[in-house]
Amino acid sequence: MKLGGLAMRYAGFGFHERPLPPSSDELVHAWEPYMRLCIELFGAERCMFESNFPVDKAMCSYSVLWNAYKKIAADLTAAERLNLFSGTAARTYRLDTPQVLRSA
């Protein structure tokens, strides 16, 4: 399960209609219920954070987006965070990565 795409206009959060872009805390507030439900239902070993940059740039900056993801995952275990940020993608796309990612 790719966890992303919520910065796109059609997702319905309306951040693109505001005079200033959202902060990472605002993104966490809006997105966390959806992302945490996906992580709970599918497990971190079957989920991965992703972005649609440069398309997402219309809504927020790259650093704000990834900072929101870090905040959403902050209370998860180290193994869960490893899966969400790299391990699941490495296994899914069969990327040649260090052993630590393949064993996550």
C-alpha atoms as a PDB file:
ATOM      1  CA  MET A   1       0.000   0.000   0.000  1.00  0.00           C
ATOM      2  CA  LYS A   2       1.541   3.276  -1.073  1.00  0.00           C
ATOM      3  CA  LEU A   3       0.879   5.926   1.555  1.00  0.00           C
ATOM      4  CA  GLY A   4       0.836   9.196  -0.327  1.00  0.00           C
ATOM      5  CA  GLY A   5      -1.042  11.165  -2.908  1.00  0.00           C
ATOM      6  CA  LEU A   6      -2.995  13.099  -0.311  1.00  0.00           C
ATOM      7  CA  ALA A   7      -1.254  16.338  -1.259  1.00  0.00           C
ATOM      8  CA  MET A   8      -2.952  16.285  -4.643  1.00  0.00           C
ATOM      9  CA  ARG A   9      -5.807  18.744  -5.158  1.00  0.00           C
ATOM     10  CA  TYR A  10      -8.457  16.125  -5.794  1.00  0.00           C
ATOM     11  CA  ALA A  11      -7.835  14.550  -2.346  1.00  0.00           C
ATOM     12  CA  GLY A  12     -10.171  17.192  -0.952  1.00  0.00           C
ATOM     13  CA  PHE A  13      -8.136  18.728   1.843  1.00  0.00           C
ATOM     14  CA  GLY A  14      -8.242  22.199   0.250  1.00  0.00           C
ATOM     15  CA  PHE A  15      -4.746  23.276   1.249  1.00  0.00           C
ATOM     16  CA  HIS A  16      -4.222  24.690  -2.253  1.00  0.00           C
ATOM     17  CA  GLU A  17      -7.006  27.243  -1.612  1.00  0.00           C
ATOM     18  CA  ARG A  18      -5.217  28.852   1.331  1.00  0.00           C
ATOM     19  CA  PRO A  19      -2.871  31.835   1.054  1.00  0.00           C
ATOM     20  CA  LEU A  20      -0.001  29.924   2.726  1.00  0.00           C
ATOM     21  CA  PRO A  21       0.998  26.284   2.325  1.00  0.00           C
ATOM     22  CA  PRO A  22       0.352  23.892   5.225  1.00  0.00           C
ATOM     23  CA  SER A  23       2.909  23.038   7.870  1.00  0.00           C
ATOM     24  CA  SER A  24       3.921  19.457   8.521  1.00  0.00           C
ATOM     25  CA  ASP A  25       1.795  19.527  11.697  1.00  0.00           C
ATOM     26  CA  GLU A  26      -1.255  20.523   9.660  1.00  0.00           C
ATOM     27  CA  LEU A  27      -0.612  17.658   7.249  1.00  0.00           C
ATOM     28  CA  VAL A  28      -0.248  15.235  10.155  1.00  0.00           C
ATOM     29  CA  HIS A  29      -3.557  16.433  11.608  1.00  0.00           C
ATOM     30  CA  ALA A  30      -5.332  15.943   8.269  1.00  0.00           C
ATOM     31  CA  TRP A  31      -3.679  12.734   7.060  1.00  0.00           C
ATOM     32  CA  GLU A  32      -2.738  10.702  10.107  1.00  0.00           C
ATOM     33  CA  PRO A  33      -6.138   9.020  10.603  1.00  0.00           C
ATOM     34  CA  TYR A  34      -6.076   7.670   7.041  1.00  0.00           C
ATOM     35  CA  MET A  35      -2.438   6.607   7.012  1.00  0.00           C
ATOM     36  CA  ARG A  36      -2.501   5.003  10.445  1.00  0.00           C
ATOM     37  CA  LEU A  37      -5.605   3.005   9.497  1.00  0.00           C
ATOM     38  CA  CYS A  38      -3.800   1.682   6.407  1.00  0.00           C
ATOM     39  CA  ILE A  39      -0.748   0.779   8.489  1.00  0.00           C
ATOM     40  CA  GLU A  40      -2.976  -0.954  11.040  1.00  0.00           C
ATOM     41  CA  LEU A  41      -4.910  -2.910   8.405  1.00  0.00           C
ATOM     42  CA  PHE A  42      -2.055  -3.864   6.072  1.00  0.00           C
ATOM     43  CA  GLY A  43       0.920  -3.790   8.436  1.00  0.00           C
ATOM     44  CA  ALA A  44       4.054  -1.701   8.024  1.00  0.00           C
ATOM     45  CA  GLU A  45       5.691  -4.566   6.135  1.00  0.00           C
ATOM     46  CA  ARG A  46       3.149  -4.027   3.336  1.00  0.00           C
ATOM     47  CA  CYS A  47       3.035  -0.186   3.381  1.00  0.00           C
ATOM     48  CA  MET A  48       5.439   2.485   2.139  1.00  0.00           C
ATOM     49  CA  PHE A  49       5.530   6.263   2.285  1.00  0.00           C
ATOM     50  CA  GLU A  50       5.812   7.915  -1.121  1.00  0.00           C
ATOM     51  CA  SER A  51       5.476  11.272  -2.814  1.00  0.00           C
ATOM     52  CA  ASN A  52       4.207  12.524  -6.128  1.00  0.00           C
ATOM     53  CA  PHE A  53       6.783  15.273  -6.462  1.00  0.00           C
ATOM     54  CA  PRO A  54       6.937  17.497  -8.369  1.00  0.00           C
ATOM     55  CA  VAL A  55       3.125  17.344  -8.672  1.00  0.00           C
ATOM     56  CA  ASP A  56       2.709  17.601  -4.870  1.00  0.00           C
ATOM     57  CA  LYS A  57       4.684  20.855  -4.967  1.00  0.00           C
ATOM     58  CA  ALA A  58       1.423  22.696  -5.679  1.00  0.00           C
ATOM     59  CA  MET A  59       0.305  21.800  -2.142  1.00  0.00           C
ATOM     60  CA  CYS A  60       3.424  21.717   0.047  1.00  0.00           C
ATOM     61  CA  SER A  61       7.197  21.509  -0.014  1.00  0.00           C
ATOM     62  CA  TYR A  62       9.116  18.243  -0.236  1.00  0.00           C
ATOM     63  CA  SER A  63      10.623  18.691   3.225  1.00  0.00           C
ATOM     64  CA  VAL A  64       7.234  19.496   4.806  1.00  0.00           C
ATOM     65  CA  LEU A  65       5.737  16.359   3.234  1.00  0.00           C
ATOM     66  CA  TRP A  66       8.482  14.019   4.470  1.00  0.00           C
ATOM     67  CA  ASN A  67       8.570  15.697   7.876  1.00  0.00           C
ATOM     68  CA  ALA A  68       4.842  14.952   8.190  1.00  0.00           C
ATOM     69  CA  TYR A  69       5.541  11.299   7.385  1.00  0.00           C
ATOM     70  CA  LYS A  70       8.257  11.207  10.063  1.00  0.00           C
ATOM     71  CA  LYS A  71       5.821  12.642  12.604  1.00  0.00           C
ATOM     72  CA  ILE A  72       3.095  10.160  11.636  1.00  0.00           C
ATOM     73  CA  ALA A  73       5.524   7.270  12.158  1.00  0.00           C
ATOM     74  CA  ALA A  74       7.266   8.673  15.254  1.00  0.00           C
ATOM     75  CA  ASP A  75       5.711   6.292  17.776  1.00  0.00           C
ATOM     76  CA  LEU A  76       6.098   3.150  15.674  1.00  0.00           C
ATOM     77  CA  THR A  77       8.861   0.630  16.248  1.00  0.00           C
ATOM     78  CA  ALA A  78      12.202   0.981  14.492  1.00  0.00           C
ATOM     79  CA  ALA A  79      11.350  -2.038  12.298  1.00  0.00           C
ATOM     80  CA  GLU A  80       8.010  -0.510  11.301  1.00  0.00           C
ATOM     81  CA  ARG A  81       9.663   2.818  10.422  1.00  0.00           C
ATOM     82  CA  LEU A  82      12.333   1.024   8.396  1.00  0.00           C
ATOM     83  CA  ASN A  83       9.626  -0.741   6.411  1.00  0.00           C
ATOM     84  CA  LEU A  84       7.605   2.426   5.811  1.00  0.00           C
ATOM     85  CA  PHE A  85      10.563   4.551   4.708  1.00  0.00           C
ATOM     86  CA  SER A  86      12.559   2.010   2.712  1.00  0.00           C
ATOM     87  CA  GLY A  87      12.206  -1.695   3.491  1.00  0.00           C
ATOM     88  CA  THR A  88       8.833  -2.343   1.867  1.00  0.00           C
ATOM     89  CA  ALA A  89       9.858  -0.464  -1.279  1.00  0.00           C
ATOM     90  CA  ALA A  90      13.197  -2.290  -1.446  1.00  0.00           C
ATOM     91  CA  ARG A  91      11.478  -5.682  -1.239  1.00  0.00           C
ATOM     92  CA  THR A  92       8.556  -4.776  -3.513  1.00  0.00           C
ATOM     93  CA  TYR A  93      10.720  -3.341  -6.277  1.00  0.00           C
ATOM     94  CA  ARG A  94      13.546  -5.863  -5.710  1.00  0.00           C
ATOM     95  CA  LEU A  95      16.118  -3.156  -5.187  1.00  0.00           C
ATOM     96  CA  ASP A  96      19.682  -4.163  -4.476  1.00  0.00           C
ATOM     97  CA  THR A  97      20.064  -2.679  -1.010  1.00  0.00           C
ATOM     98  CA  PRO A  98      22.176  -3.308   2.098  1.00  0.00           C
ATOM     99  CA  GLN A  99      21.275  -6.449   4.062  1.00  0.00           C
ATOM    100  CA  VAL A 100      19.578  -4.419   6.806  1.00  0.00           C
ATOM    101  CA  LEU A 101      16.779  -3.435   4.394  1.00  0.00           C
ATOM    102  CA  ARG A 102      16.282  -6.925   2.985  1.00  0.00           C
ATOM    103  CA  SER A 103      15.843  -8.426   6.423  1.00  0.00           C
ATOM    104  CA  ALA A 104      13.341  -5.840   7.704  1.00  0.00           C
END
